[in-house]
Amino acid sequence: MDSTLQPGGHKLLTIIVDETDMAGEIPLYEAIVRKLVRLELAGATVHSAIMGYGRHGRVHRKRLFGMSDEHPISIQVVDREGAIRTALPELKAMIPEGLIFLSEVEVI
């Protein structure tokens, strides 16, 4: 499969989880990226947020000396819509609590 993104319209998949979420012995965000590699999506980037809150209304932020209290982690993937939609069932099964959304993007 050619994972090179050609210019044009694609989808941006964003998944937001807590940094402390685990998938067995590894962080959930790492398990998600490893799954994305196995599913041959074009690529993924993991971002560590400095502050955020979710449906529980509890604010998560980095604290003194870089210590944190479950700050948000986002995983972003850009690929063809078909590739992302094919991967979604497996990804959704891995994420008991979090946020998943799709956006339109244009690769330049």
N, C-alpha and C. Protein backbone atom coordinates (compact mmCIF):
# COMPACT_ATOMS: atom_id res chain seq x y z
N MET A 1 0.84 -1.20 0.00
CA MET A 1 0.00 0.00 0.00
C MET A 1 0.87 1.24 0.00
N ASP A 2 0.57 2.19 -0.85
CA ASP A 2 1.31 3.44 -0.91
C ASP A 2 0.71 4.41 0.10
N SER A 3 1.50 4.72 1.16
CA SER A 3 0.98 5.59 2.21
C SER A 3 1.32 7.06 1.97
N THR A 4 1.86 7.39 0.80
CA THR A 4 2.15 8.78 0.49
C THR A 4 0.84 9.52 0.23
N LEU A 5 0.67 10.61 0.93
CA LEU A 5 -0.56 11.38 0.74
C LEU A 5 -0.41 12.31 -0.45
N GLN A 6 -1.33 12.19 -1.36
CA GLN A 6 -1.35 13.06 -2.53
C GLN A 6 -2.12 14.34 -2.17
N PRO A 7 -1.79 15.45 -2.82
CA PRO A 7 -2.55 16.67 -2.56
C PRO A 7 -4.03 16.45 -2.82
N GLY A 8 -4.85 17.12 -2.04
CA GLY A 8 -6.30 17.02 -2.20
C GLY A 8 -6.99 16.80 -0.88
N GLY A 9 -8.26 16.47 -0.96
CA GLY A 9 -9.08 16.30 0.24
C GLY A 9 -8.84 14.97 0.93
N HIS A 10 -8.73 15.02 2.23
CA HIS A 10 -8.56 13.84 3.07
C HIS A 10 -9.33 14.07 4.36
N LYS A 11 -9.26 13.11 5.25
CA LYS A 11 -9.88 13.24 6.57
C LYS A 11 -8.78 13.31 7.62
N LEU A 12 -9.06 14.06 8.66
CA LEU A 12 -8.21 14.13 9.84
C LEU A 12 -8.96 13.44 10.97
N LEU A 13 -8.41 12.35 11.45
CA LEU A 13 -8.96 11.63 12.59
C LEU A 13 -8.22 12.11 13.83
N THR A 14 -8.95 12.57 14.83
CA THR A 14 -8.35 12.97 16.09
C THR A 14 -8.95 12.13 17.21
N ILE A 15 -8.08 11.59 18.03
CA ILE A 15 -8.48 10.78 19.18
C ILE A 15 -7.88 11.44 20.41
N ILE A 16 -8.71 11.69 21.42
CA ILE A 16 -8.22 12.32 22.66
C ILE A 16 -8.48 11.36 23.82
N VAL A 17 -7.40 11.05 24.55
CA VAL A 17 -7.46 10.18 25.72
C VAL A 17 -6.64 10.82 26.84
N ASP A 18 -6.70 10.26 28.04
CA ASP A 18 -5.85 10.73 29.14
C ASP A 18 -4.50 10.05 29.06
N GLU A 19 -3.46 10.75 29.48
CA GLU A 19 -2.12 10.16 29.44
C GLU A 19 -2.00 8.92 30.31
N THR A 20 -2.84 8.78 31.32
CA THR A 20 -2.75 7.64 32.22
C THR A 20 -3.56 6.43 31.75
N ASP A 21 -4.34 6.58 30.66
CA ASP A 21 -5.10 5.45 30.12
C ASP A 21 -4.13 4.39 29.62
N MET A 22 -4.41 3.14 29.96
CA MET A 22 -3.52 2.04 29.61
C MET A 22 -4.23 1.01 28.74
N ALA A 23 -3.45 0.31 27.94
CA ALA A 23 -3.92 -0.84 27.17
C ALA A 23 -2.99 -1.98 27.58
N GLY A 24 -3.39 -2.69 28.61
CA GLY A 24 -2.50 -3.71 29.17
C GLY A 24 -1.34 -3.04 29.88
N GLU A 25 -0.14 -3.32 29.41
CA GLU A 25 1.08 -2.81 30.05
C GLU A 25 1.63 -1.53 29.43
N ILE A 26 1.01 -1.06 28.33
CA ILE A 26 1.54 0.13 27.66
C ILE A 26 0.48 1.24 27.64
N PRO A 27 0.94 2.48 27.51
CA PRO A 27 -0.02 3.58 27.43
C PRO A 27 -0.97 3.39 26.24
N LEU A 28 -2.22 3.77 26.43
CA LEU A 28 -3.23 3.61 25.39
C LEU A 28 -2.82 4.32 24.10
N TYR A 29 -2.26 5.53 24.22
CA TYR A 29 -1.87 6.25 23.01
C TYR A 29 -0.83 5.48 22.21
N GLU A 30 0.07 4.79 22.90
CA GLU A 30 1.07 3.98 22.20
C GLU A 30 0.42 2.78 21.53
N ALA A 31 -0.50 2.14 22.22
CA ALA A 31 -1.22 1.00 21.63
C ALA A 31 -2.00 1.44 20.38
N ILE A 32 -2.59 2.63 20.43
CA ILE A 32 -3.33 3.14 19.28
C ILE A 32 -2.39 3.37 18.09
N VAL A 33 -1.25 3.98 18.34
CA VAL A 33 -0.29 4.23 17.25
C VAL A 33 0.20 2.91 16.67
N ARG A 34 0.49 1.94 17.52
CA ARG A 34 0.93 0.63 17.02
C ARG A 34 -0.16 -0.03 16.16
N LYS A 35 -1.42 0.13 16.57
CA LYS A 35 -2.55 -0.39 15.78
C LYS A 35 -2.63 0.33 14.44
N LEU A 36 -2.44 1.65 14.44
CA LEU A 36 -2.48 2.42 13.19
C LEU A 36 -1.40 1.95 12.22
N VAL A 37 -0.22 1.63 12.74
CA VAL A 37 0.86 1.12 11.89
C VAL A 37 0.43 -0.21 11.28
N ARG A 38 -0.11 -1.12 12.11
CA ARG A 38 -0.55 -2.43 11.60
C ARG A 38 -1.66 -2.30 10.56
N LEU A 39 -2.52 -1.29 10.74
CA LEU A 39 -3.62 -1.07 9.80
C LEU A 39 -3.16 -0.29 8.56
N GLU A 40 -1.89 0.09 8.54
CA GLU A 40 -1.26 0.76 7.39
C GLU A 40 -1.85 2.11 7.05
N LEU A 41 -2.24 2.87 8.08
CA LEU A 41 -2.66 4.24 7.81
C LEU A 41 -1.42 5.07 7.49
N ALA A 42 -1.62 6.20 6.84
CA ALA A 42 -0.50 6.98 6.29
C ALA A 42 0.47 7.47 7.36
N GLY A 43 0.01 7.78 8.54
CA GLY A 43 0.89 8.27 9.60
C GLY A 43 0.08 8.83 10.75
N ALA A 44 0.73 8.99 11.88
CA ALA A 44 0.06 9.51 13.07
C ALA A 44 1.04 10.36 13.87
N THR A 45 0.49 11.32 14.58
CA THR A 45 1.28 12.16 15.48
C THR A 45 0.57 12.21 16.82
N VAL A 46 1.35 12.09 17.90
CA VAL A 46 0.81 12.15 19.25
C VAL A 46 1.23 13.48 19.86
N HIS A 47 0.25 14.20 20.40
CA HIS A 47 0.50 15.49 21.04
C HIS A 47 0.15 15.40 22.52
N SER A 48 0.99 15.96 23.35
CA SER A 48 0.72 16.03 24.78
C SER A 48 0.21 17.43 25.09
N ALA A 49 -1.00 17.51 25.60
CA ALA A 49 -1.61 18.81 25.89
C ALA A 49 -1.10 19.35 27.22
N ILE A 50 -1.13 20.65 27.37
CA ILE A 50 -0.73 21.24 28.64
C ILE A 50 -1.92 21.51 29.54
N MET A 51 -3.13 21.51 28.94
CA MET A 51 -4.32 21.74 29.75
C MET A 51 -5.55 21.33 28.97
N GLY A 52 -6.58 20.89 29.69
CA GLY A 52 -7.84 20.54 29.04
C GLY A 52 -8.84 20.02 30.06
N TYR A 53 -10.07 19.81 29.61
CA TYR A 53 -11.09 19.18 30.44
C TYR A 53 -12.07 18.47 29.54
N GLY A 54 -12.79 17.54 30.11
CA GLY A 54 -13.75 16.77 29.34
C GLY A 54 -15.12 16.80 29.98
N ARG A 55 -15.90 15.77 29.71
CA ARG A 55 -17.29 15.75 30.15
C ARG A 55 -17.46 15.78 31.66
N HIS A 56 -16.42 15.37 32.39
CA HIS A 56 -16.52 15.40 33.85
C HIS A 56 -16.27 16.79 34.44
N GLY A 57 -15.78 17.71 33.60
CA GLY A 57 -15.56 19.09 34.04
C GLY A 57 -14.32 19.28 34.89
N ARG A 58 -13.51 18.24 35.03
CA ARG A 58 -12.28 18.34 35.83
C ARG A 58 -11.16 18.84 34.92
N VAL A 59 -10.50 19.93 35.33
CA VAL A 59 -9.43 20.51 34.53
C VAL A 59 -8.14 19.72 34.78
N HIS A 60 -7.48 19.33 33.68
CA HIS A 60 -6.20 18.62 33.75
C HIS A 60 -5.13 19.58 33.24
N ARG A 61 -4.01 19.64 33.95
CA ARG A 61 -2.95 20.55 33.51
C ARG A 61 -1.61 20.05 34.03
N LYS A 62 -0.55 20.55 33.38
CA LYS A 62 0.80 20.26 33.87
C LYS A 62 1.02 21.10 35.12
N ARG A 63 1.74 20.53 36.04
CA ARG A 63 2.00 21.23 37.29
C ARG A 63 3.49 21.50 37.44
N LEU A 64 3.88 21.94 38.61
CA LEU A 64 5.26 22.27 38.93
C LEU A 64 6.19 21.12 38.56
N PHE A 65 7.32 21.42 37.97
CA PHE A 65 8.35 20.44 37.58
C PHE A 65 7.85 19.44 36.56
N GLY A 66 6.86 19.82 35.76
CA GLY A 66 6.38 18.95 34.70
C GLY A 66 5.46 17.84 35.16
N MET A 67 5.18 17.75 36.46
CA MET A 67 4.25 16.74 36.95
C MET A 67 2.87 17.06 36.39
N SER A 68 2.08 16.04 36.19
CA SER A 68 0.77 16.29 35.62
C SER A 68 -0.30 15.50 36.36
N ASP A 69 -1.52 15.82 36.05
CA ASP A 69 -2.65 15.08 36.61
C ASP A 69 -3.53 14.60 35.47
N GLU A 70 -3.05 13.58 34.75
CA GLU A 70 -3.82 12.98 33.67
C GLU A 70 -4.12 13.97 32.55
N HIS A 71 -3.14 14.69 32.09
CA HIS A 71 -3.42 15.65 31.02
C HIS A 71 -3.78 14.93 29.72
N PRO A 72 -4.49 15.62 28.85
CA PRO A 72 -4.97 15.02 27.61
C PRO A 72 -3.84 14.71 26.62
N ILE A 73 -4.02 13.64 25.90
CA ILE A 73 -3.13 13.25 24.81
C ILE A 73 -3.99 13.16 23.55
N SER A 74 -3.54 13.76 22.47
CA SER A 74 -4.30 13.62 21.22
C SER A 74 -3.43 12.90 20.19
N ILE A 75 -4.09 12.04 19.45
CA ILE A 75 -3.46 11.31 18.36
C ILE A 75 -4.15 11.79 17.08
N GLN A 76 -3.37 12.26 16.13
CA GLN A 76 -3.95 12.75 14.88
C GLN A 76 -3.44 11.91 13.71
N VAL A 77 -4.37 11.60 12.81
CA VAL A 77 -4.08 10.78 11.64
C VAL A 77 -4.71 11.46 10.43
N VAL A 78 -3.94 11.62 9.36
CA VAL A 78 -4.49 12.12 8.10
C VAL A 78 -4.35 11.01 7.07
N ASP A 79 -5.45 10.68 6.42
CA ASP A 79 -5.43 9.66 5.38
C ASP A 79 -6.71 9.78 4.56
N ARG A 80 -6.85 8.90 3.57
CA ARG A 80 -8.07 8.85 2.78
C ARG A 80 -9.24 8.46 3.69
N GLU A 81 -10.41 8.95 3.38
CA GLU A 81 -11.58 8.66 4.20
C GLU A 81 -11.82 7.15 4.32
N GLY A 82 -11.69 6.42 3.23
CA GLY A 82 -11.94 4.98 3.25
C GLY A 82 -11.01 4.25 4.20
N ALA A 83 -9.74 4.63 4.20
CA ALA A 83 -8.76 3.99 5.08
C ALA A 83 -9.11 4.25 6.54
N ILE A 84 -9.48 5.49 6.85
CA ILE A 84 -9.82 5.83 8.23
C ILE A 84 -11.10 5.13 8.66
N ARG A 85 -12.11 5.15 7.83
CA ARG A 85 -13.38 4.51 8.20
C ARG A 85 -13.23 3.00 8.37
N THR A 86 -12.34 2.38 7.62
CA THR A 86 -12.07 0.96 7.78
C THR A 86 -11.42 0.68 9.13
N ALA A 87 -10.56 1.59 9.59
CA ALA A 87 -9.85 1.41 10.86
C ALA A 87 -10.70 1.74 12.08
N LEU A 88 -11.72 2.57 11.91
CA LEU A 88 -12.50 3.07 13.06
C LEU A 88 -13.08 1.99 13.98
N PRO A 89 -13.67 0.91 13.49
CA PRO A 89 -14.22 -0.09 14.42
C PRO A 89 -13.17 -0.65 15.39
N GLU A 90 -11.98 -0.94 14.87
CA GLU A 90 -10.93 -1.47 15.74
C GLU A 90 -10.44 -0.42 16.73
N LEU A 91 -10.33 0.82 16.27
CA LEU A 91 -9.89 1.89 17.16
C LEU A 91 -10.92 2.17 18.25
N LYS A 92 -12.19 2.24 17.86
CA LYS A 92 -13.25 2.52 18.83
C LYS A 92 -13.30 1.44 19.91
N ALA A 93 -13.02 0.20 19.54
CA ALA A 93 -13.02 -0.90 20.51
C ALA A 93 -11.91 -0.76 21.54
N MET A 94 -10.86 -0.02 21.22
CA MET A 94 -9.73 0.16 22.13
C MET A 94 -9.95 1.29 23.13
N ILE A 95 -10.93 2.15 22.87
CA ILE A 95 -11.06 3.40 23.62
C ILE A 95 -12.34 3.40 24.44
N PRO A 96 -12.26 2.97 25.70
CA PRO A 96 -13.46 2.92 26.52
C PRO A 96 -14.01 4.30 26.87
N GLU A 97 -13.11 5.26 27.00
CA GLU A 97 -13.53 6.63 27.32
C GLU A 97 -12.56 7.58 26.62
N GLY A 98 -13.08 8.52 25.90
CA GLY A 98 -12.26 9.46 25.16
C GLY A 98 -13.12 10.13 24.12
N LEU A 99 -12.48 10.85 23.23
CA LEU A 99 -13.19 11.57 22.18
C LEU A 99 -12.56 11.21 20.85
N ILE A 100 -13.39 10.89 19.87
CA ILE A 100 -12.93 10.58 18.52
C ILE A 100 -13.72 11.45 17.56
N PHE A 101 -13.03 12.16 16.67
CA PHE A 101 -13.77 12.92 15.67
C PHE A 101 -13.01 13.00 14.36
N LEU A 102 -13.77 13.23 13.29
CA LEU A 102 -13.23 13.36 11.94
C LEU A 102 -13.46 14.77 11.43
N SER A 103 -12.48 15.27 10.71
CA SER A 103 -12.58 16.59 10.10
C SER A 103 -12.10 16.50 8.65
N GLU A 104 -12.60 17.41 7.85
CA GLU A 104 -12.12 17.52 6.48
C GLU A 104 -10.80 18.28 6.51
N VAL A 105 -9.81 17.82 5.74
CA VAL A 105 -8.55 18.54 5.60
C VAL A 105 -8.12 18.50 4.14
N GLU A 106 -7.28 19.45 3.78
CA GLU A 106 -6.72 19.46 2.43
C GLU A 106 -5.22 19.33 2.55
N VAL A 107 -4.65 18.29 1.95
CA VAL A 107 -3.21 18.11 1.92
C VAL A 107 -2.66 18.98 0.80
N ILE A 108 -1.63 19.73 1.10
CA ILE A 108 -1.07 20.68 0.13
C ILE A 108 0.24 20.13 -0.43
